[in-house]
């Protein structure tokens, strides 16, 4: 993969995170970078006033800066903008930010030098990863504060990850025989203008969401097996006459998950006319969330392969001061995806509740000795709490805007908050699905000797390798954590043919 030349997918970025040497600069990319750097230098040498190159920033855009002061201007820009607060983001998110930033700068419209870009790549390869606080970006003019923290180590400032430990940058640079860099004209602005904090959260969230969408389908199928629900709502003919892509895909997957199930045959002659929505409408609800995933994926990959700083340098004669740094284009789909992820948890909790009711051959609370034992009563409380927490996180951050920069930046996206909330909801969803999986597996115990479909039996065995059937009350909180660990380690089989 070639920075600045190839079209990256979000999967490509995650692969580069694991193997930084998979991406590099080639001759064409270096020529793009050098050409842009020369264009900036010509602007500096001219008498023209160009924003961010020989002027101040934000409301100080009408203040001219002399050629002798341009280096100090860029240094001051970085240190004055590194004002993030809160806990550090995950190290992997910082890596994604570097990869996305290098890819954007390497397209040759930002005026950032080859030396700076190569240093960023070297830091990635040597696992010298900047520590970036999670709060402080309003998502317009780009992610200014997070990106300033991301590039502080180029100047020998700030902190970096050394393995899982945090160290002062200069200590780590000395270990690698590296000196701090001095920034040239436009470089500071090119480095901190952009949407890479928002984008990193979108990419990391997409990775989680993609698996959890598949897992939610499998989990629903296991619950339907335990409930002995009907498979007729998943027939192809129903979804061909309302042909949303997400619904069609989920319906087809449900048919495959339930193929060969003896529990489905047991339902054929029963008196139930139809199942509750949380069983019957899995294709429509899960499918709507899949549509949201695809929307975010398309928007994130467009952003990943875009230039998002300001101004854009087209030539020595032409630069454009615009708004490519504005995060609204990512904030809206992130808020939409947050809602879509929350809904997977909402409907999962309803299926969990149905399994506790004591209907259709299942004992109340999924235990044969309720009264003395509470059975699975209380894990559903946890699920309900997480579902409601997710609902509160669904308020769209992009609906808000607070003017900044003395009114120069009078509409902002708040997309950084959208990205953080998206990942919080996904984290809660893992635990919600772990509750449903625990209930579904317990429900299947009461359907024996009937066999499930092959893939559901395989997933049942995976779960039972960590969590035994509940006979009498025990510390089932540990069971929930064990199932969540199986989910996070992607042990469940979610692909079905």
Protein backbone atom coordinates (compact mmCIF):
# COMPACT_ATOMS: atom_id res chain seq x y z
CA UNK A 1 0.00 0.00 0.00
CA UNK A 2 1.30 3.44 -0.98
CA UNK A 3 0.55 6.51 1.13
CA UNK A 4 -1.04 9.32 -0.83
CA UNK A 5 -1.44 7.22 -3.99
CA UNK A 6 -3.53 4.13 -3.26
CA UNK A 7 -7.15 4.23 -2.15
CA UNK A 8 -7.23 2.88 1.41
CA UNK A 9 -10.15 1.02 3.00
CA UNK A 10 -10.76 1.07 6.73
CA UNK A 11 -9.55 -2.53 6.81
CA UNK A 12 -6.27 -1.39 5.19
CA UNK A 13 -5.72 1.11 8.00
CA UNK A 14 -6.28 -1.54 10.65
CA UNK A 15 -3.84 -3.85 8.86
CA UNK A 16 -1.20 -1.09 8.77
CA UNK A 17 -1.73 -0.62 12.53
CA UNK A 18 -0.65 -4.22 13.04
CA UNK A 19 2.08 -4.19 10.37
CA UNK A 20 3.32 -0.62 9.78
CA UNK A 21 5.72 -1.75 7.04
CA UNK A 22 2.75 -2.68 4.84
CA UNK A 23 2.45 0.98 3.77
CA UNK A 24 5.21 3.18 2.38
CA UNK A 25 5.98 6.21 0.25
CA UNK A 26 6.99 5.56 -3.36
CA UNK A 27 8.58 7.88 -5.91
CA UNK A 28 5.24 9.30 -7.08
CA UNK A 29 4.12 10.09 -3.52
CA UNK A 30 7.45 11.74 -2.68
CA UNK A 31 7.24 13.89 -5.82
CA UNK A 32 3.76 15.05 -4.81
CA UNK A 33 4.99 16.00 -1.36
CA UNK A 34 8.12 17.82 -2.57
CA UNK A 35 6.19 19.74 -5.21
CA UNK A 36 3.71 21.00 -2.61
CA UNK A 37 6.54 21.94 -0.23
CA UNK A 38 8.22 23.98 -3.00
CA UNK A 39 4.95 25.76 -3.78
CA UNK A 40 4.68 26.90 -0.16
CA UNK A 41 8.26 28.14 -0.17
CA UNK A 42 7.57 30.22 -3.29
CA UNK A 43 4.53 31.76 -1.58
CA UNK A 44 6.69 32.69 1.43
CA UNK A 45 9.23 34.35 -0.86
CA UNK A 46 6.52 36.35 -2.63
CA UNK A 47 4.77 39.42 -1.29
CA UNK A 48 1.33 37.79 -1.35
CA UNK A 49 -0.61 37.37 1.89
CA UNK A 50 -1.78 33.76 2.20
CA UNK A 51 -3.66 32.46 5.22
CA UNK A 52 -1.69 30.14 7.46
CA UNK A 53 1.55 30.57 5.55
CA UNK A 54 2.44 34.16 6.34
CA UNK A 55 -0.53 35.22 8.46
CA UNK A 56 -1.83 34.47 11.93
CA UNK A 57 -4.60 31.92 12.49
CA UNK A 58 -8.33 32.06 13.14
CA UNK A 59 -9.34 35.61 14.11
CA UNK A 60 -5.69 36.66 13.60
CA UNK A 61 -5.85 35.81 9.90
CA UNK A 62 -5.40 39.47 8.95
CA UNK A 63 -2.10 39.74 10.86
CA UNK A 64 0.89 39.47 8.51
CA UNK A 65 3.89 37.42 9.66
CA UNK A 66 7.39 38.10 8.31
CA UNK A 67 9.44 35.39 6.60
CA UNK A 68 11.85 35.35 9.54
CA UNK A 69 9.00 34.57 11.95
CA UNK A 70 7.36 31.72 10.03
CA UNK A 71 9.18 28.94 11.90
CA UNK A 72 8.30 30.44 15.29
CA UNK A 73 4.71 30.84 14.06
CA UNK A 74 4.39 27.10 13.36
CA UNK A 75 5.99 26.12 16.69
CA UNK A 76 3.71 28.48 18.60
CA UNK A 77 0.71 27.06 16.77
CA UNK A 78 1.42 23.50 17.95
CA UNK A 79 2.16 24.30 21.59
CA UNK A 80 -0.76 26.72 21.96
CA UNK A 81 -3.26 24.21 20.54
CA UNK A 82 -2.17 21.20 22.65
CA UNK A 83 -4.85 21.81 25.28
CA UNK A 84 -6.71 18.48 25.31
CA UNK A 85 -7.96 17.03 28.58
CA UNK A 86 -9.27 13.71 29.88
CA UNK A 87 -7.88 10.21 29.67
CA UNK A 88 -5.59 9.26 26.78
CA UNK A 89 -7.30 7.57 23.86
CA UNK A 90 -6.30 3.99 23.12
CA UNK A 91 -2.86 3.61 21.63
CA UNK A 92 -4.44 1.99 18.56
CA UNK A 93 -6.55 5.10 17.97
CA UNK A 94 -3.39 7.23 18.01
CA UNK A 95 -1.86 4.87 15.43
CA UNK A 96 -4.92 5.19 13.21
CA UNK A 97 -4.65 8.98 13.48
CA UNK A 98 -1.02 8.88 12.31
CA UNK A 99 -1.81 6.60 9.37
CA UNK A 100 -4.76 8.71 8.26
CA UNK A 101 -2.75 11.92 8.65
CA UNK A 102 0.23 10.63 6.66
CA UNK A 103 -2.08 9.39 3.91
CA UNK A 104 -3.79 12.80 3.62
CA UNK A 105 -0.56 14.83 3.74
CA UNK A 106 1.08 12.58 1.14
CA UNK A 107 -1.44 13.62 -1.50
CA UNK A 108 0.60 16.78 -1.96
CA UNK A 109 -1.83 19.62 -1.26
CA UNK A 110 -0.71 20.52 2.26
CA UNK A 111 2.85 21.83 1.94
CA UNK A 112 4.18 19.59 4.70
CA UNK A 113 7.76 18.51 4.09
CA UNK A 114 8.92 15.02 3.19
CA UNK A 115 11.13 15.03 6.30
CA UNK A 116 8.15 15.53 8.62
CA UNK A 117 6.03 12.90 6.90
CA UNK A 118 8.89 10.38 6.93
CA UNK A 119 9.41 11.05 10.66
CA UNK A 120 5.75 10.24 11.31
CA UNK A 121 6.09 6.98 9.40
CA UNK A 122 9.29 6.16 11.30
CA UNK A 123 7.57 6.76 14.62
CA UNK A 124 4.82 4.38 13.59
CA UNK A 125 7.33 1.72 12.56
CA UNK A 126 9.33 2.10 15.79
CA UNK A 127 6.15 2.08 17.88
CA UNK A 128 6.77 5.61 19.20
CA UNK A 129 3.10 6.53 19.46
CA UNK A 130 1.93 9.92 20.79
CA UNK A 131 -0.33 10.15 23.83
CA UNK A 132 -3.51 12.01 22.83
CA UNK A 133 -6.17 13.17 25.35
CA UNK A 134 -9.75 12.19 24.53
CA UNK A 135 -11.44 15.59 25.02
CA UNK A 136 -11.02 19.06 23.57
CA UNK A 137 -12.02 18.93 19.91
CA UNK A 138 -15.12 20.65 18.58
CA UNK A 139 -14.61 19.00 15.20
CA UNK A 140 -14.13 22.05 13.01
CA UNK A 141 -10.90 23.64 11.88
CA UNK A 142 -10.39 19.97 12.26
CA UNK A 143 -9.52 18.15 15.45
CA UNK A 144 -7.13 20.89 16.52
CA UNK A 145 -6.30 19.92 20.11
CA UNK A 146 -5.98 16.14 19.55
CA UNK A 147 -3.86 16.65 16.44
CA UNK A 148 -1.62 19.13 18.24
CA UNK A 149 -0.95 16.46 20.88
CA UNK A 150 -0.37 13.93 18.09
CA UNK A 151 2.42 16.03 16.56
CA UNK A 152 4.04 17.37 19.76
CA UNK A 153 6.59 14.50 19.67
CA UNK A 154 7.87 15.78 16.31
CA UNK A 155 9.10 18.79 18.29
CA UNK A 156 10.44 16.66 21.14
CA UNK A 157 7.49 17.63 23.33
CA UNK A 158 4.63 15.80 24.98
CA UNK A 159 4.45 12.13 25.83
CA UNK A 160 4.52 8.88 23.87
CA UNK A 161 3.59 5.27 24.47
CA UNK A 162 6.51 2.96 25.08
CA UNK A 163 4.81 -0.41 24.92
CA UNK A 164 1.97 -0.01 27.44
CA UNK A 165 3.81 2.66 29.44
CA UNK A 166 3.77 6.44 29.00
CA UNK A 167 7.15 8.21 28.75
CA UNK A 168 8.41 11.72 28.04
CA UNK A 169 9.08 12.15 24.35
CA UNK A 170 12.69 13.35 24.63
CA UNK A 171 13.70 10.28 26.66
CA UNK A 172 12.34 8.00 23.94
CA UNK A 173 13.79 10.01 21.05
CA UNK A 174 17.25 9.77 22.64
CA UNK A 175 16.95 5.99 22.88
CA UNK A 176 16.36 5.91 19.12
CA UNK A 177 19.03 8.54 18.29
CA UNK A 178 16.41 10.93 16.94
CA UNK A 179 16.45 14.73 17.19
CA UNK A 180 13.35 16.97 17.35
CA UNK A 181 12.35 18.58 14.06
CA UNK A 182 11.93 22.28 13.25
CA UNK A 183 8.75 23.02 11.31
CA UNK A 184 8.76 25.10 8.16
CA UNK A 185 6.07 27.41 6.71
CA UNK A 186 2.52 26.01 6.73
CA UNK A 187 3.62 22.74 8.36
CA UNK A 188 2.11 23.32 11.78
CA UNK A 189 -1.23 24.26 10.26
CA UNK A 190 -1.13 21.31 7.87
CA UNK A 191 -0.47 18.96 10.75
CA UNK A 192 -3.25 20.08 13.09
CA UNK A 193 -5.97 20.92 10.55
CA UNK A 194 -7.89 17.78 9.67
CA UNK A 195 -10.46 15.27 10.91
CA UNK A 196 -8.17 12.39 11.86
CA UNK A 197 -9.40 12.15 15.49
CA UNK A 198 -13.01 11.81 14.32
CA UNK A 199 -11.96 9.46 11.54
CA UNK A 200 -9.93 7.23 13.85
CA UNK A 201 -12.95 6.71 16.07
CA UNK A 202 -15.09 5.95 13.02
CA UNK A 203 -12.60 3.37 11.73
CA UNK A 204 -12.19 1.68 15.11
CA UNK A 205 -15.95 1.71 15.59
CA UNK A 206 -16.56 0.23 12.15
CA UNK A 207 -14.31 -2.69 13.01
CA UNK A 208 -16.32 -3.43 16.17
CA UNK A 209 -19.69 -2.73 14.57
CA UNK A 210 -19.03 -5.05 11.64
CA UNK A 211 -18.47 -8.04 13.95
CA UNK A 212 -21.28 -7.14 16.36
CA UNK A 213 -23.79 -6.92 13.51
CA UNK A 214 -22.90 -10.47 12.52
CA UNK A 215 -22.89 -11.62 16.15
CA UNK A 216 -26.32 -10.06 16.77
CA UNK A 217 -27.77 -12.18 13.94
CA UNK A 218 -26.27 -15.37 15.36
CA UNK A 219 -27.39 -14.46 18.88
CA UNK A 220 -30.94 -13.83 17.67
CA UNK A 221 -30.93 -17.21 15.92
CA UNK A 222 -29.83 -18.93 19.15
CA UNK A 223 -32.63 -17.17 21.05
CA UNK A 224 -35.18 -18.18 18.43
CA UNK A 225 -33.97 -21.77 18.75
CA UNK A 226 -34.40 -21.60 22.53
CA UNK A 227 -37.83 -19.92 22.20
CA UNK A 228 -38.83 -22.32 19.44
CA UNK A 229 -39.93 -19.41 17.35
CA UNK A 230 -40.93 -19.43 13.72
CA UNK A 231 -38.54 -19.15 10.80
CA UNK A 232 -41.22 -18.09 8.30
CA UNK A 233 -40.51 -14.33 8.82
CA UNK A 234 -37.11 -14.91 7.23
CA UNK A 235 -38.36 -16.33 3.93
CA UNK A 236 -36.84 -14.75 0.85
CA UNK A 237 -40.20 -13.95 -0.73
CA UNK A 238 -41.15 -11.60 2.11
CA UNK A 239 -38.03 -9.49 1.75
CA UNK A 240 -38.01 -9.34 -2.04
CA UNK A 241 -41.14 -7.18 -1.93
CA UNK A 242 -39.51 -4.72 0.50
CA UNK A 243 -35.98 -4.98 -0.84
CA UNK A 244 -33.77 -3.07 1.58
CA UNK A 245 -30.26 -4.47 1.33
CA UNK A 246 -29.75 -4.78 5.07
CA UNK A 247 -33.03 -6.64 5.60
CA UNK A 248 -32.40 -9.03 2.71
CA UNK A 249 -28.94 -9.85 4.01
CA UNK A 250 -30.11 -10.50 7.58
CA UNK A 251 -33.08 -12.62 6.45
CA UNK A 252 -30.80 -14.78 4.31
CA UNK A 253 -28.38 -15.19 7.20
CA UNK A 254 -31.17 -16.17 9.60
CA UNK A 255 -32.34 -18.89 7.21
CA UNK A 256 -28.80 -20.30 7.10
CA UNK A 257 -28.32 -20.06 10.87
CA UNK A 258 -31.51 -22.07 11.47
CA UNK A 259 -31.10 -24.63 8.69
CA UNK A 260 -31.52 -28.21 9.91
CA UNK A 261 -32.77 -27.24 13.36
CA UNK A 262 -35.01 -29.74 15.12
CA UNK A 263 -36.35 -26.87 17.23
CA UNK A 264 -37.74 -25.22 14.11
CA UNK A 265 -39.53 -28.45 13.17
CA UNK A 266 -41.07 -28.62 16.65
CA UNK A 267 -42.68 -25.23 16.00
CA UNK A 268 -44.39 -26.27 12.76
CA UNK A 269 -47.57 -27.68 14.31
CA UNK A 270 -47.87 -25.46 17.36
CA UNK A 271 -50.80 -23.09 17.94
CA UNK A 272 -48.77 -19.87 17.92
CA UNK A 273 -49.80 -17.59 15.07
CA UNK A 274 -46.77 -15.31 15.23
CA UNK A 275 -43.86 -14.37 17.47
CA UNK A 276 -43.23 -11.02 19.21
CA UNK A 277 -41.49 -8.37 17.16
CA UNK A 278 -38.06 -8.89 18.72
CA UNK A 279 -38.05 -12.39 17.17
CA UNK A 280 -40.14 -11.77 14.07
CA UNK A 281 -38.65 -8.44 12.96
CA UNK A 282 -34.95 -9.31 13.25
CA UNK A 283 -34.36 -8.71 9.50
CA UNK A 284 -36.01 -5.31 9.57
CA UNK A 285 -34.33 -4.05 12.78
CA UNK A 286 -30.89 -5.62 12.34
CA UNK A 287 -31.13 -4.77 8.65
CA UNK A 288 -31.69 -1.08 9.37
CA UNK A 289 -28.56 -1.10 11.52
CA UNK A 290 -26.65 -2.76 8.68
CA UNK A 291 -27.76 0.01 6.33
CA UNK A 292 -26.35 2.55 8.81
CA UNK A 293 -23.06 0.62 8.95
CA UNK A 294 -22.76 0.75 5.17
CA UNK A 295 -23.47 4.48 5.17
CA UNK A 296 -20.78 5.19 7.76
CA UNK A 297 -18.32 2.90 5.98
CA UNK A 298 -18.78 4.78 2.70
CA UNK A 299 -18.42 8.19 4.35
CA UNK A 300 -15.40 7.15 6.42
CA UNK A 301 -13.55 5.72 3.44
CA UNK A 302 -14.23 8.87 1.41
CA UNK A 303 -12.84 10.92 4.30
CA UNK A 304 -9.86 8.60 4.67
CA UNK A 305 -8.83 9.25 1.08
CA UNK A 306 -9.42 13.00 1.21
CA UNK A 307 -7.37 16.11 2.00
CA UNK A 308 -8.87 17.76 5.07
CA UNK A 309 -6.51 20.57 6.08
CA UNK A 310 -6.59 24.25 5.19
CA UNK A 311 -5.55 26.10 3.12
CA UNK A 312 -5.11 23.75 0.17
CA UNK A 313 -2.08 24.59 -1.94
CA UNK A 314 -2.76 23.94 -5.63
CA UNK A 315 0.30 25.72 -7.00
CA UNK A 316 2.76 28.50 -6.20
CA UNK A 317 0.15 30.91 -7.53
CA UNK A 318 -3.05 29.43 -6.13
CA UNK A 319 -4.13 28.31 -2.68
CA UNK A 320 -7.68 27.97 -1.44
CA UNK A 321 -8.82 28.78 2.08
CA UNK A 322 -11.97 26.71 2.54
CA UNK A 323 -13.62 24.29 4.93
CA UNK A 324 -12.40 20.76 4.16
CA UNK A 325 -11.51 20.41 7.84
CA UNK A 326 -15.16 20.64 8.92
CA UNK A 327 -16.28 17.45 10.67
CA UNK A 328 -20.00 17.65 9.85
CA UNK A 329 -19.66 15.14 7.01
CA UNK A 330 -18.51 12.54 9.55
CA UNK A 331 -20.48 13.72 12.59
CA UNK A 332 -23.89 13.04 11.05
CA UNK A 333 -23.22 9.44 9.93
CA UNK A 334 -21.47 8.73 13.25
CA UNK A 335 -24.56 9.86 15.16
CA UNK A 336 -26.71 7.72 12.86
CA UNK A 337 -24.45 4.70 13.43
CA UNK A 338 -24.57 5.28 17.20
CA UNK A 339 -28.35 5.03 17.09
CA UNK A 340 -28.11 1.93 14.89
CA UNK A 341 -25.73 0.21 17.32
CA UNK A 342 -27.94 1.11 20.28
CA UNK A 343 -30.95 -0.45 18.56
CA UNK A 344 -29.16 -3.79 18.28
CA UNK A 345 -28.91 -3.72 22.07
CA UNK A 346 -32.49 -2.56 22.50
CA UNK A 347 -33.99 -5.48 20.59
CA UNK A 348 -31.52 -7.94 22.14
CA UNK A 349 -32.73 -7.01 25.62
CA UNK A 350 -36.32 -7.68 24.54
CA UNK A 351 -35.39 -11.17 23.35
CA UNK A 352 -33.63 -11.78 26.66
CA UNK A 353 -36.79 -10.76 28.49
CA UNK A 354 -38.95 -13.14 26.42
CA UNK A 355 -36.73 -16.06 27.37
CA UNK A 356 -37.35 -15.33 31.07
CA UNK A 357 -41.14 -15.26 30.95
CA UNK A 358 -41.64 -19.01 31.37
CA UNK A 359 -43.60 -19.61 28.17
CA UNK A 360 -43.68 -22.40 25.59
CA UNK A 361 -41.86 -24.99 27.68
CA UNK A 362 -39.19 -22.77 29.23
CA UNK A 363 -39.17 -22.37 33.04
CA UNK A 364 -39.58 -18.93 34.58
CA UNK A 365 -36.24 -17.13 34.91
CA UNK A 366 -34.70 -20.11 33.09
CA UNK A 367 -34.32 -22.08 36.31
CA UNK A 368 -36.22 -25.14 37.54
CA UNK A 369 -35.94 -24.09 41.18
CA UNK A 370 -36.99 -20.44 41.22
CA UNK A 371 -37.86 -18.99 44.60
CA UNK A 372 -34.88 -20.39 46.42
CA UNK A 373 -32.89 -19.34 43.35
CA UNK A 374 -33.20 -16.05 41.45
CA UNK A 375 -31.93 -17.71 38.29
CA UNK A 376 -31.37 -15.22 35.50
CA UNK A 377 -33.58 -12.47 36.89
CA UNK A 378 -30.88 -9.90 37.59
CA UNK A 379 -28.65 -10.08 34.49
CA UNK A 380 -31.61 -8.65 32.59
CA UNK A 381 -31.47 -5.65 34.95
CA UNK A 382 -27.88 -5.10 33.81
CA UNK A 383 -28.95 -5.41 30.19
CA UNK A 384 -31.78 -2.94 30.75
CA UNK A 385 -29.43 -0.46 32.43
CA UNK A 386 -26.97 -0.64 29.54
CA UNK A 387 -29.76 -0.24 26.99
CA UNK A 388 -30.96 2.92 28.72
CA UNK A 389 -27.40 4.22 29.02
CA UNK A 390 -27.04 3.74 25.28
CA UNK A 391 -30.28 5.63 24.69
CA UNK A 392 -28.88 8.60 26.59
CA UNK A 393 -25.76 8.42 24.41
CA UNK A 394 -27.89 8.62 21.26
CA UNK A 395 -28.49 12.37 21.56
CA UNK A 396 -26.75 13.59 18.39
CA UNK A 397 -23.66 15.61 19.22
CA UNK A 398 -23.89 17.04 15.69
CA UNK A 399 -27.15 18.78 16.64
CA UNK A 400 -25.13 21.20 18.75
CA UNK A 401 -22.72 23.96 17.79
CA UNK A 402 -20.89 26.50 19.96
CA UNK A 403 -19.07 29.38 18.22
CA UNK A 404 -15.31 29.47 18.79
CA UNK A 405 -12.32 31.55 17.71
CA UNK A 406 -14.06 34.88 18.48
CA UNK A 407 -16.82 33.95 16.05
CA UNK A 408 -14.53 33.20 13.11
CA UNK A 409 -15.41 29.54 13.58
CA UNK A 410 -19.09 30.09 14.22
CA UNK A 411 -20.41 26.64 13.32
CA UNK A 412 -18.67 23.50 14.52
CA UNK A 413 -19.55 19.80 14.15
CA UNK A 414 -18.82 18.27 17.57
CA UNK A 415 -17.93 15.16 15.54
CA UNK A 416 -15.24 14.13 18.01
CA UNK A 417 -17.97 13.60 20.60
CA UNK A 418 -20.01 11.65 18.05
CA UNK A 419 -17.06 9.32 17.49
CA UNK A 420 -16.43 8.77 21.18
CA UNK A 421 -20.10 8.07 21.93
CA UNK A 422 -20.29 5.59 19.05
CA UNK A 423 -17.52 3.51 20.59
CA UNK A 424 -19.06 3.76 24.08
CA UNK A 425 -22.34 2.36 22.75
CA UNK A 426 -20.51 -0.48 21.00
CA UNK A 427 -18.74 -1.33 24.26
CA UNK A 428 -22.09 -1.55 26.06
CA UNK A 429 -23.53 -3.62 23.22
CA UNK A 430 -20.92 -6.32 23.84
CA UNK A 431 -22.25 -6.79 27.37
CA UNK A 432 -25.90 -6.67 26.30
CA UNK A 433 -25.32 -9.43 23.75
CA UNK A 434 -23.39 -11.45 26.33
CA UNK A 435 -26.55 -11.53 28.49
CA UNK A 436 -28.72 -12.71 25.60
CA UNK A 437 -26.20 -15.39 24.65
CA UNK A 438 -26.15 -16.64 28.25
CA UNK A 439 -29.95 -16.80 28.36
CA UNK A 440 -30.24 -18.44 24.95
CA UNK A 441 -27.72 -21.14 25.85
CA UNK A 442 -29.61 -21.86 29.09
CA UNK A 443 -32.88 -22.03 27.17
CA UNK A 444 -31.44 -24.61 24.79
CA UNK A 445 -30.73 -26.88 27.77
CA UNK A 446 -34.49 -27.26 28.21
CA UNK A 447 -35.00 -28.22 24.55
CA UNK A 448 -32.81 -31.30 24.70
CA UNK A 449 -32.62 -33.85 23.21
CA UNK A 450 -33.65 -31.72 20.21
CA UNK A 451 -30.65 -30.52 18.25
CA UNK A 452 -30.04 -27.03 16.94
CA UNK A 453 -28.60 -26.22 13.54
CA UNK A 454 -24.95 -27.16 13.11
CA UNK A 455 -23.60 -23.61 13.50
CA UNK A 456 -25.73 -22.87 16.57
CA UNK A 457 -24.57 -26.13 18.17
CA UNK A 458 -20.97 -25.07 17.49
CA UNK A 459 -21.52 -21.69 19.11
CA UNK A 460 -23.32 -23.31 22.02
CA UNK A 461 -20.22 -25.48 22.57
CA UNK A 462 -17.95 -22.42 22.43
CA UNK A 463 -20.03 -20.71 25.10
CA UNK A 464 -20.22 -23.83 27.26
CA UNK A 465 -16.42 -24.14 27.13
CA UNK A 466 -16.35 -21.10 29.44
CA UNK A 467 -19.77 -21.05 31.10
CA UNK A 468 -21.61 -24.09 32.51
CA UNK A 469 -25.37 -24.57 32.67
CA UNK A 470 -26.89 -22.80 35.67
CA UNK A 471 -28.33 -25.28 38.17
CA UNK A 472 -28.33 -23.20 41.38
CA UNK A 473 -27.44 -19.57 41.95
CA UNK A 474 -23.77 -18.72 41.59
CA UNK A 475 -21.63 -15.73 40.64
CA UNK A 476 -23.11 -15.37 37.17
CA UNK A 477 -21.53 -11.94 36.85
CA UNK A 478 -18.31 -13.85 36.15
CA UNK A 479 -20.13 -15.82 33.46
CA UNK A 480 -21.23 -12.62 31.74
CA UNK A 481 -17.66 -11.32 31.74
CA UNK A 482 -16.41 -14.63 30.32
CA UNK A 483 -18.91 -14.42 27.45
CA UNK A 484 -17.98 -10.78 26.82
CA UNK A 485 -14.35 -11.87 26.59
CA UNK A 486 -15.32 -14.51 23.99
CA UNK A 487 -17.03 -11.75 22.02
CA UNK A 488 -14.08 -9.36 22.25
CA UNK A 489 -11.73 -12.14 21.17
CA UNK A 490 -14.10 -13.00 18.29
CA UNK A 491 -14.40 -16.64 19.23
CA UNK A 492 -18.00 -17.05 18.11
CA UNK A 493 -18.73 -18.26 14.59
CA UNK A 494 -20.68 -15.50 12.86
CA UNK A 495 -20.10 -16.31 9.19
CA UNK A 496 -22.53 -18.84 7.79
CA UNK A 497 -22.70 -20.42 4.32
